[in-house]
Amino acid sequence: MFTGTLVADLRLGDVHSLKEKRSVIRPIVAELRRRYDVAAGEVGAVDLHRRSQIGVAALAGDAAHVRDRLDGCERLLAGRPDVELLEIRRRLFGPDD
């Protein structure tokens, strides 16, 4: 089995409270889970209203499938008009790790 992780640092647009932040982040996380069958959630910057870190984990029998899922997640995040993608960090773990 192969596991891949992705952590995306995001800057949110016109958000002025943590409640508004949740209304932006919650649908993004839900769409990642639904479209790519990954585990996803906010993993950092939880107390800042204009920043967020979203973490994603994918598991598959081959590395190419994991990479495809993470590529899709990255495209989804980069294509969102309500957030600015600042940085992406990815890791791939194989059966020998």
PDB file of N, CA and C in Angstrom:
ATOM      1  N   MET A   1       0.832  -1.189   0.000  1.00  0.00           N
ATOM      2  CA  MET A   1       0.000   0.000   0.000  1.00  0.00           C
ATOM      3  C   MET A   1       0.869   1.243   0.000  1.00  0.00           C
ATOM      4  N   PHE A   2       0.382   2.257  -0.665  1.00  0.00           N
ATOM      5  CA  PHE A   2       1.057   3.545  -0.718  1.00  0.00           C
ATOM      6  C   PHE A   2       0.160   4.592  -0.076  1.00  0.00           C
ATOM      7  N   THR A   3       0.779   5.502   0.642  1.00  0.00           N
ATOM      8  CA  THR A   3       0.072   6.603   1.289  1.00  0.00           C
ATOM      9  C   THR A   3       0.711   7.901   0.839  1.00  0.00           C
ATOM     10  N   GLY A   4      -0.117   8.879   0.543  1.00  0.00           N
ATOM     11  CA  GLY A   4       0.384  10.195   0.195  1.00  0.00           C
ATOM     12  C   GLY A   4      -0.288  11.244   1.052  1.00  0.00           C
ATOM     13  N   THR A   5       0.480  12.269   1.399  1.00  0.00           N
ATOM     14  CA  THR A   5      -0.078  13.378   2.159  1.00  0.00           C
ATOM     15  C   THR A   5       0.203  14.678   1.430  1.00  0.00           C
ATOM     16  N   LEU A   6      -0.675  15.617   1.646  1.00  0.00           N
ATOM     17  CA  LEU A   6      -0.556  16.944   1.067  1.00  0.00           C
ATOM     18  C   LEU A   6      -0.995  17.938   2.141  1.00  0.00           C
ATOM     19  N   VAL A   7      -0.218  18.986   2.335  1.00  0.00           N
ATOM     20  CA  VAL A   7      -0.604  20.072   3.230  1.00  0.00           C
ATOM     21  C   VAL A   7      -0.563  21.346   2.413  1.00  0.00           C
ATOM     22  N   ALA A   8      -1.685  22.053   2.359  1.00  0.00           N
ATOM     23  CA  ALA A   8      -1.812  23.283   1.582  1.00  0.00           C
ATOM     24  C   ALA A   8      -1.965  24.471   2.515  1.00  0.00           C
ATOM     25  N   ASP A   9      -1.099  25.463   2.337  1.00  0.00           N
ATOM     26  CA  ASP A   9      -1.226  26.727   3.065  1.00  0.00           C
ATOM     27  C   ASP A   9      -2.066  27.667   2.221  1.00  0.00           C
ATOM     28  N   LEU A  10      -3.124  28.184   2.803  1.00  0.00           N
ATOM     29  CA  LEU A  10      -4.069  29.020   2.076  1.00  0.00           C
ATOM     30  C   LEU A  10      -4.211  30.388   2.734  1.00  0.00           C
ATOM     31  N   ARG A  11      -4.416  31.397   1.900  1.00  0.00           N
ATOM     32  CA  ARG A  11      -4.823  32.715   2.386  1.00  0.00           C
ATOM     33  C   ARG A  11      -6.251  32.925   1.884  1.00  0.00           C
ATOM     34  N   LEU A  12      -7.120  33.259   2.815  1.00  0.00           N
ATOM     35  CA  LEU A  12      -8.530  33.442   2.476  1.00  0.00           C
ATOM     36  C   LEU A  12      -8.783  34.884   2.075  1.00  0.00           C
ATOM     37  N   GLY A  13      -9.762  35.080   1.233  1.00  0.00           N
ATOM     38  CA  GLY A  13     -10.098  36.405   0.736  1.00  0.00           C
ATOM     39  C   GLY A  13     -10.756  37.289   1.772  1.00  0.00           C
ATOM     40  N   ASP A  14     -11.934  37.731   1.497  1.00  0.00           N
ATOM     41  CA  ASP A  14     -12.657  38.702   2.316  1.00  0.00           C
ATOM     42  C   ASP A  14     -13.336  38.011   3.497  1.00  0.00           C
ATOM     43  N   VAL A  15     -12.519  37.609   4.485  1.00  0.00           N
ATOM     44  CA  VAL A  15     -13.007  36.897   5.662  1.00  0.00           C
ATOM     45  C   VAL A  15     -12.628  37.722   6.888  1.00  0.00           C
ATOM     46  N   HIS A  16     -13.608  37.974   7.765  1.00  0.00           N
ATOM     47  CA  HIS A  16     -13.365  38.839   8.911  1.00  0.00           C
ATOM     48  C   HIS A  16     -13.633  38.179  10.261  1.00  0.00           C
ATOM     49  N   SER A  17     -13.968  36.897  10.255  1.00  0.00           N
ATOM     50  CA  SER A  17     -14.217  36.207  11.515  1.00  0.00           C
ATOM     51  C   SER A  17     -13.973  34.712  11.319  1.00  0.00           C
ATOM     52  N   LEU A  18     -13.842  34.005  12.437  1.00  0.00           N
ATOM     53  CA  LEU A  18     -13.668  32.554  12.352  1.00  0.00           C
ATOM     54  C   LEU A  18     -14.921  31.877  11.803  1.00  0.00           C
ATOM     55  N   LYS A  19     -16.082  32.463  12.062  1.00  0.00           N
ATOM     56  CA  LYS A  19     -17.335  31.910  11.532  1.00  0.00           C
ATOM     57  C   LYS A  19     -17.338  32.000  10.004  1.00  0.00           C
ATOM     58  N   GLU A  20     -16.920  33.135   9.459  1.00  0.00           N
ATOM     59  CA  GLU A  20     -16.827  33.275   7.999  1.00  0.00           C
ATOM     60  C   GLU A  20     -15.787  32.317   7.435  1.00  0.00           C
ATOM     61  N   LYS A  21     -14.687  32.142   8.172  1.00  0.00           N
ATOM     62  CA  LYS A  21     -13.648  31.215   7.731  1.00  0.00           C
ATOM     63  C   LYS A  21     -14.219  29.804   7.605  1.00  0.00           C
ATOM     64  N   ARG A  22     -14.963  29.362   8.606  1.00  0.00           N
ATOM     65  CA  ARG A  22     -15.576  28.025   8.548  1.00  0.00           C
ATOM     66  C   ARG A  22     -16.489  27.885   7.343  1.00  0.00           C
ATOM     67  N   SER A  23     -17.198  28.960   6.994  1.00  0.00           N
ATOM     68  CA  SER A  23     -18.119  28.881   5.857  1.00  0.00           C
ATOM     69  C   SER A  23     -17.369  28.766   4.523  1.00  0.00           C
ATOM     70  N   VAL A  24     -16.089  29.117   4.499  1.00  0.00           N
ATOM     71  CA  VAL A  24     -15.264  28.945   3.303  1.00  0.00           C
ATOM     72  C   VAL A  24     -14.578  27.578   3.321  1.00  0.00           C
ATOM     73  N   ILE A  25     -14.004  27.208   4.457  1.00  0.00           N
ATOM     74  CA  ILE A  25     -13.195  25.986   4.552  1.00  0.00           C
ATOM     75  C   ILE A  25     -14.050  24.720   4.511  1.00  0.00           C
ATOM     76  N   ARG A  26     -15.177  24.719   5.196  1.00  0.00           N
ATOM     77  CA  ARG A  26     -16.011  23.512   5.275  1.00  0.00           C
ATOM     78  C   ARG A  26     -16.403  22.971   3.887  1.00  0.00           C
ATOM     79  N   PRO A  27     -16.884  23.807   2.952  1.00  0.00           N
ATOM     80  CA  PRO A  27     -17.224  23.254   1.628  1.00  0.00           C
ATOM     81  C   PRO A  27     -16.011  22.767   0.835  1.00  0.00           C
ATOM     82  N   ILE A  28     -14.861  23.393   1.036  1.00  0.00           N
ATOM     83  CA  ILE A  28     -13.644  22.944   0.347  1.00  0.00           C
ATOM     84  C   ILE A  28     -13.267  21.544   0.826  1.00  0.00           C
ATOM     85  N   VAL A  29     -13.250  21.350   2.125  1.00  0.00           N
ATOM     86  CA  VAL A  29     -12.910  20.043   2.698  1.00  0.00           C
ATOM     87  C   VAL A  29     -13.921  18.987   2.249  1.00  0.00           C
ATOM     88  N   ALA A  30     -15.184  19.337   2.255  1.00  0.00           N
ATOM     89  CA  ALA A  30     -16.225  18.385   1.830  1.00  0.00           C
ATOM     90  C   ALA A  30     -16.051  17.993   0.362  1.00  0.00           C
ATOM     91  N   GLU A  31     -15.709  18.957  -0.480  1.00  0.00           N
ATOM     92  CA  GLU A  31     -15.527  18.659  -1.902  1.00  0.00           C
ATOM     93  C   GLU A  31     -14.297  17.783  -2.129  1.00  0.00           C
ATOM     94  N   LEU A  32     -13.217  18.046  -1.406  1.00  0.00           N
ATOM     95  CA  LEU A  32     -12.026  17.187  -1.514  1.00  0.00           C
ATOM     96  C   LEU A  32     -12.372  15.747  -1.155  1.00  0.00           C
ATOM     97  N   ARG A  33     -13.087  15.570  -0.052  1.00  0.00           N
ATOM     98  CA  ARG A  33     -13.463  14.221   0.392  1.00  0.00           C
ATOM     99  C   ARG A  33     -14.354  13.524  -0.635  1.00  0.00           C
ATOM    100  N   ARG A  34     -15.338  14.255  -1.130  1.00  0.00           N
ATOM    101  CA  ARG A  34     -16.317  13.670  -2.040  1.00  0.00           C
ATOM    102  C   ARG A  34     -15.712  13.343  -3.405  1.00  0.00           C
ATOM    103  N   ARG A  35     -14.973  14.282  -3.984  1.00  0.00           N
ATOM    104  CA  ARG A  35     -14.468  14.099  -5.348  1.00  0.00           C
ATOM    105  C   ARG A  35     -13.304  13.132  -5.439  1.00  0.00           C
ATOM    106  N   TYR A  36     -12.441  13.108  -4.406  1.00  0.00           N
ATOM    107  CA  TYR A  36     -11.202  12.342  -4.515  1.00  0.00           C
ATOM    108  C   TYR A  36     -11.090  11.200  -3.516  1.00  0.00           C
ATOM    109  N   ASP A  37     -12.094  10.970  -2.705  1.00  0.00           N
ATOM    110  CA  ASP A  37     -12.101   9.867  -1.744  1.00  0.00           C
ATOM    111  C   ASP A  37     -10.839   9.877  -0.881  1.00  0.00           C
ATOM    112  N   VAL A  38     -10.587  11.029  -0.259  1.00  0.00           N
ATOM    113  CA  VAL A  38      -9.428  11.217   0.602  1.00  0.00           C
ATOM    114  C   VAL A  38      -9.898  11.628   1.996  1.00  0.00           C
ATOM    115  N   ALA A  39      -8.995  11.517   2.953  1.00  0.00           N
ATOM    116  CA  ALA A  39      -9.236  12.102   4.268  1.00  0.00           C
ATOM    117  C   ALA A  39      -8.735  13.541   4.193  1.00  0.00           C
ATOM    118  N   ALA A  40      -9.534  14.484   4.650  1.00  0.00           N
ATOM    119  CA  ALA A  40      -9.150  15.891   4.561  1.00  0.00           C
ATOM    120  C   ALA A  40      -9.703  16.655   5.750  1.00  0.00           C
ATOM    121  N   GLY A  41      -8.986  17.704   6.144  1.00  0.00           N
ATOM    122  CA  GLY A  41      -9.447  18.548   7.240  1.00  0.00           C
ATOM    123  C   GLY A  41      -8.506  19.719   7.445  1.00  0.00           C
ATOM    124  N   GLU A  42      -8.955  20.671   8.229  1.00  0.00           N
ATOM    125  CA  GLU A  42      -8.102  21.805   8.565  1.00  0.00           C
ATOM    126  C   GLU A  42      -7.115  21.348   9.628  1.00  0.00           C
ATOM    127  N   VAL A  43      -5.828  21.537   9.370  1.00  0.00           N
ATOM    128  CA  VAL A  43      -4.796  21.016  10.263  1.00  0.00           C
ATOM    129  C   VAL A  43      -3.902  22.093  10.864  1.00  0.00           C
ATOM    130  N   GLY A  44      -4.084  23.337  10.467  1.00  0.00           N
ATOM    131  CA  GLY A  44      -3.238  24.398  11.002  1.00  0.00           C
ATOM    132  C   GLY A  44      -3.868  25.753  10.826  1.00  0.00           C
ATOM    133  N   ALA A  45      -3.310  26.732  11.536  1.00  0.00           N
ATOM    134  CA  ALA A  45      -3.784  28.119  11.498  1.00  0.00           C
ATOM    135  C   ALA A  45      -5.266  28.210  11.872  1.00  0.00           C
ATOM    136  N   VAL A  46      -5.701  27.385  12.806  1.00  0.00           N
ATOM    137  CA  VAL A  46      -7.125  27.321  13.140  1.00  0.00           C
ATOM    138  C   VAL A  46      -7.632  28.567  13.865  1.00  0.00           C
ATOM    139  N   ASP A  47      -6.739  29.324  14.497  1.00  0.00           N
ATOM    140  CA  ASP A  47      -7.170  30.526  15.218  1.00  0.00           C
ATOM    141  C   ASP A  47      -7.022  31.805  14.396  1.00  0.00           C
ATOM    142  N   LEU A  48      -6.518  31.699  13.187  1.00  0.00           N
ATOM    143  CA  LEU A  48      -6.356  32.867  12.310  1.00  0.00           C
ATOM    144  C   LEU A  48      -7.493  32.907  11.311  1.00  0.00           C
ATOM    145  N   HIS A  49      -8.144  34.044  11.161  1.00  0.00           N
ATOM    146  CA  HIS A  49      -9.329  34.057  10.303  1.00  0.00           C
ATOM    147  C   HIS A  49      -9.024  34.211   8.817  1.00  0.00           C
ATOM    148  N   ARG A  50      -7.817  34.633   8.420  1.00  0.00           N
ATOM    149  CA  ARG A  50      -7.521  34.770   6.995  1.00  0.00           C
ATOM    150  C   ARG A  50      -6.505  33.766   6.484  1.00  0.00           C
ATOM    151  N   ARG A  51      -6.102  32.814   7.322  1.00  0.00           N
ATOM    152  CA  ARG A  51      -5.151  31.781   6.921  1.00  0.00           C
ATOM    153  C   ARG A  51      -5.704  30.417   7.312  1.00  0.00           C
ATOM    154  N   SER A  52      -5.280  29.415   6.563  1.00  0.00           N
ATOM    155  CA  SER A  52      -5.688  28.047   6.878  1.00  0.00           C
ATOM    156  C   SER A  52      -4.664  27.085   6.313  1.00  0.00           C
ATOM    157  N   GLN A  53      -4.549  25.940   6.937  1.00  0.00           N
ATOM    158  CA  GLN A  53      -3.805  24.823   6.390  1.00  0.00           C
ATOM    159  C   GLN A  53      -4.776  23.663   6.282  1.00  0.00           C
ATOM    160  N   ILE A  54      -4.858  23.113   5.092  1.00  0.00           N
ATOM    161  CA  ILE A  54      -5.708  21.953   4.859  1.00  0.00           C
ATOM    162  C   ILE A  54      -4.801  20.764   4.604  1.00  0.00           C
ATOM    163  N   GLY A  55      -5.039  19.689   5.326  1.00  0.00           N
ATOM    164  CA  GLY A  55      -4.289  18.459   5.153  1.00  0.00           C
ATOM    165  C   GLY A  55      -5.126  17.413   4.449  1.00  0.00           C
ATOM    166  N   VAL A  56      -4.473  16.647   3.582  1.00  0.00           N
ATOM    167  CA  VAL A  56      -5.137  15.600   2.805  1.00  0.00           C
ATOM    168  C   VAL A  56      -4.277  14.342   2.893  1.00  0.00           C
ATOM    169  N   ALA A  57      -4.916  13.196   3.034  1.00  0.00           N
ATOM    170  CA  ALA A  57      -4.213  11.909   3.005  1.00  0.00           C
ATOM    171  C   ALA A  57      -4.955  10.964   2.076  1.00  0.00           C
ATOM    172  N   ALA A  58      -4.180  10.246   1.255  1.00  0.00           N
ATOM    173  CA  ALA A  58      -4.758   9.295   0.303  1.00  0.00           C
ATOM    174  C   ALA A  58      -4.028   7.961   0.437  1.00  0.00           C
ATOM    175  N   LEU A  59      -4.754   6.890   0.240  1.00  0.00           N
ATOM    176  CA  LEU A  59      -4.222   5.533   0.353  1.00  0.00           C
ATOM    177  C   LEU A  59      -4.646   4.751  -0.878  1.00  0.00           C
ATOM    178  N   ALA A  60      -3.687   4.040  -1.495  1.00  0.00           N
ATOM    179  CA  ALA A  60      -4.015   3.230  -2.674  1.00  0.00           C
ATOM    180  C   ALA A  60      -2.974   2.131  -2.829  1.00  0.00           C
ATOM    181  N   GLY A  61      -3.271   1.192  -3.698  1.00  0.00           N
ATOM    182  CA  GLY A  61      -2.389   0.054  -3.927  1.00  0.00           C
ATOM    183  C   GLY A  61      -1.155   0.383  -4.739  1.00  0.00           C
ATOM    184  N   ASP A  62      -1.192   1.485  -5.494  1.00  0.00           N
ATOM    185  CA  ASP A  62      -0.012   1.862  -6.263  1.00  0.00           C
ATOM    186  C   ASP A  62       0.237   3.362  -6.149  1.00  0.00           C
ATOM    187  N   ALA A  63       1.499   3.729  -6.325  1.00  0.00           N
ATOM    188  CA  ALA A  63       1.920   5.124  -6.140  1.00  0.00           C
ATOM    189  C   ALA A  63       1.267   6.056  -7.159  1.00  0.00           C
ATOM    190  N   ALA A  64       1.071   5.587  -8.383  1.00  0.00           N
ATOM    191  CA  ALA A  64       0.483   6.444  -9.419  1.00  0.00           C
ATOM    192  C   ALA A  64      -0.934   6.878  -9.049  1.00  0.00           C
ATOM    193  N   HIS A  65      -1.690   5.983  -8.460  1.00  0.00           N
ATOM    194  CA  HIS A  65      -3.057   6.317  -8.062  1.00  0.00           C
ATOM    195  C   HIS A  65      -3.057   7.362  -6.946  1.00  0.00           C
ATOM    196  N   VAL A  66      -2.143   7.218  -6.004  1.00  0.00           N
ATOM    197  CA  VAL A  66      -2.032   8.214  -4.925  1.00  0.00           C
ATOM    198  C   VAL A  66      -1.649   9.566  -5.510  1.00  0.00           C
ATOM    199  N   ARG A  67      -0.664   9.580  -6.415  1.00  0.00           N
ATOM    200  CA  ARG A  67      -0.249  10.842  -7.038  1.00  0.00           C
ATOM    201  C   ARG A  67      -1.396  11.491  -7.799  1.00  0.00           C
ATOM    202  N   ASP A  68      -2.171  10.695  -8.526  1.00  0.00           N
ATOM    203  CA  ASP A  68      -3.314  11.234  -9.274  1.00  0.00           C
ATOM    204  C   ASP A  68      -4.322  11.903  -8.345  1.00  0.00           C
ATOM    205  N   ARG A  69      -4.621  11.262  -7.232  1.00  0.00           N
ATOM    206  CA  ARG A  69      -5.560  11.850  -6.267  1.00  0.00           C
ATOM    207  C   ARG A  69      -5.031  13.158  -5.705  1.00  0.00           C
ATOM    208  N   LEU A  70      -3.755  13.169  -5.306  1.00  0.00           N
ATOM    209  CA  LEU A  70      -3.179  14.392  -4.745  1.00  0.00           C
ATOM    210  C   LEU A  70      -3.074  15.492  -5.791  1.00  0.00           C
ATOM    211  N   ASP A  71      -2.773  15.128  -7.043  1.00  0.00           N
ATOM    212  CA  ASP A  71      -2.757  16.119  -8.125  1.00  0.00           C
ATOM    213  C   ASP A  71      -4.135  16.762  -8.281  1.00  0.00           C
ATOM    214  N   GLY A  72      -5.177  15.949  -8.237  1.00  0.00           N
ATOM    215  CA  GLY A  72      -6.539  16.471  -8.339  1.00  0.00           C
ATOM    216  C   GLY A  72      -6.874  17.399  -7.193  1.00  0.00           C
ATOM    217  N   CYS A  73      -6.469  17.029  -5.995  1.00  0.00           N
ATOM    218  CA  CYS A  73      -6.714  17.884  -4.829  1.00  0.00           C
ATOM    219  C   CYS A  73      -5.999  19.218  -4.974  1.00  0.00           C
ATOM    220  N   GLU A  74      -4.769  19.168  -5.450  1.00  0.00           N
ATOM    221  CA  GLU A  74      -4.005  20.405  -5.638  1.00  0.00           C
ATOM    222  C   GLU A  74      -4.664  21.299  -6.694  1.00  0.00           C
ATOM    223  N   ARG A  75      -5.111  20.716  -7.790  1.00  0.00           N
ATOM    224  CA  ARG A  75      -5.810  21.501  -8.832  1.00  0.00           C
ATOM    225  C   ARG A  75      -7.085  22.137  -8.283  1.00  0.00           C
ATOM    226  N   LEU A  76      -7.827  21.365  -7.490  1.00  0.00           N
ATOM    227  CA  LEU A  76      -9.060  21.896  -6.905  1.00  0.00           C
ATOM    228  C   LEU A  76      -8.754  23.106  -6.023  1.00  0.00           C
ATOM    229  N   LEU A  77      -7.752  22.994  -5.171  1.00  0.00           N
ATOM    230  CA  LEU A  77      -7.401  24.093  -4.275  1.00  0.00           C
ATOM    231  C   LEU A  77      -6.881  25.297  -5.057  1.00  0.00           C
ATOM    232  N   ALA A  78      -6.056  25.061  -6.058  1.00  0.00           N
ATOM    233  CA  ALA A  78      -5.489  26.155  -6.848  1.00  0.00           C
ATOM    234  C   ALA A  78      -6.556  26.872  -7.674  1.00  0.00           C
ATOM    235  N   GLY A  79      -7.617  26.159  -8.023  1.00  0.00           N
ATOM    236  CA  GLY A  79      -8.659  26.738  -8.861  1.00  0.00           C
ATOM    237  C   GLY A  79      -9.759  27.464  -8.106  1.00  0.00           C
ATOM    238  N   ARG A  80      -9.704  27.458  -6.801  1.00  0.00           N
ATOM    239  CA  ARG A  80     -10.750  28.120  -6.011  1.00  0.00           C
ATOM    240  C   ARG A  80     -10.549  29.636  -6.039  1.00  0.00           C
ATOM    241  N   PRO A  81     -11.575  30.400  -6.435  1.00  0.00           N
ATOM    242  CA  PRO A  81     -11.422  31.855  -6.493  1.00  0.00           C
ATOM    243  C   PRO A  81     -11.449  32.520  -5.117  1.00  0.00           C
ATOM    244  N   ASP A  82     -11.948  31.830  -4.094  1.00  0.00           N
ATOM    245  CA  ASP A  82     -12.086  32.431  -2.768  1.00  0.00           C
ATOM    246  C   ASP A  82     -10.870  32.229  -1.875  1.00  0.00           C
ATOM    247  N   VAL A  83      -9.838  31.514  -2.370  1.00  0.00           N
ATOM    248  CA  VAL A  83      -8.616  31.313  -1.602  1.00  0.00           C
ATOM    249  C   VAL A  83      -7.400  31.494  -2.509  1.00  0.00           C
ATOM    250  N   GLU A  84      -6.288  31.854  -1.886  1.00  0.00           N
ATOM    251  CA  GLU A  84      -5.014  31.939  -2.595  1.00  0.00           C
ATOM    252  C   GLU A  84      -4.129  30.819  -2.065  1.00  0.00           C
ATOM    253  N   LEU A  85      -3.658  29.978  -2.953  1.00  0.00           N
ATOM    254  CA  LEU A  85      -2.790  28.865  -2.587  1.00  0.00           C
ATOM    255  C   LEU A  85      -1.368  29.401  -2.438  1.00  0.00           C
ATOM    256  N   LEU A  86      -0.844  29.382  -1.209  1.00  0.00           N
ATOM    257  CA  LEU A  86       0.479  29.926  -0.937  1.00  0.00           C
ATOM    258  C   LEU A  86       1.582  28.885  -1.079  1.00  0.00           C
ATOM    259  N   GLU A  87       1.327  27.674  -0.606  1.00  0.00           N
ATOM    260  CA  GLU A  87       2.353  26.633  -0.626  1.00  0.00           C
ATOM    261  C   GLU A  87       1.692  25.263  -0.522  1.00  0.00           C
ATOM    262  N   ILE A  88       2.318  24.288  -1.162  1.00  0.00           N
ATOM    263  CA  ILE A  88       1.888  22.888  -1.083  1.00  0.00           C
ATOM    264  C   ILE A  88       3.090  22.057  -0.660  1.00  0.00           C
ATOM    265  N   ARG A  89       2.882  21.176   0.306  1.00  0.00           N
ATOM    266  CA  ARG A  89       3.907  20.210   0.691  1.00  0.00           C
ATOM    267  C   ARG A  89       3.313  18.813   0.522  1.00  0.00           C
ATOM    268  N   ARG A  90       4.048  17.954  -0.184  1.00  0.00           N
ATOM    269  CA  ARG A  90       3.565  16.602  -0.452  1.00  0.00           C
ATOM    270  C   ARG A  90       4.605  15.578  -0.028  1.00  0.00           C
ATOM    271  N   ARG A  91       4.095  14.419   0.412  1.00  0.00           N
ATOM    272  CA  ARG A  91       4.959  13.281   0.738  1.00  0.00           C
ATOM    273  C   ARG A  91       4.289  12.008   0.268  1.00  0.00           C
ATOM    274  N   LEU A  92       5.102  11.070  -0.144  1.00  0.00           N
ATOM    275  CA  LEU A  92       4.615   9.750  -0.574  1.00  0.00           C
ATOM    276  C   LEU A  92       5.348   8.702   0.237  1.00  0.00           C
ATOM    277  N   PHE A  93       4.583   7.788   0.817  1.00  0.00           N
ATOM    278  CA  PHE A  93       5.134   6.698   1.617  1.00  0.00           C
ATOM    279  C   PHE A  93       4.798   5.387   0.938  1.00  0.00           C
ATOM    280  N   GLY A  94       5.803   4.533   0.797  1.00  0.00           N
ATOM    281  CA  GLY A  94       5.602   3.231   0.186  1.00  0.00           C
ATOM    282  C   GLY A  94       5.594   2.127   1.229  1.00  0.00           C
ATOM    283  N   PRO A  95       5.494   0.895   0.764  1.00  0.00           N
ATOM    284  CA  PRO A  95       5.437  -0.238   1.694  1.00  0.00           C
ATOM    285  C   PRO A  95       6.712  -0.423   2.510  1.00  0.00           C
ATOM    286  N   ASP A  96       7.819   0.133   2.068  1.00  0.00           N
ATOM    287  CA  ASP A  96       9.087  -0.036   2.785  1.00  0.00           C
ATOM    288  C   ASP A  96       9.357   1.081   3.785  1.00  0.00           C
ATOM    289  N   ASP A  97       8.510   2.090   3.836  1.00  0.00           N
ATOM    290  CA  ASP A  97       8.713   3.231   4.744  1.00  0.00           C
ATOM    291  C   ASP A  97       8.214   2.943   6.139  1.00  0.00           C
TER     292      ASP A  97
END
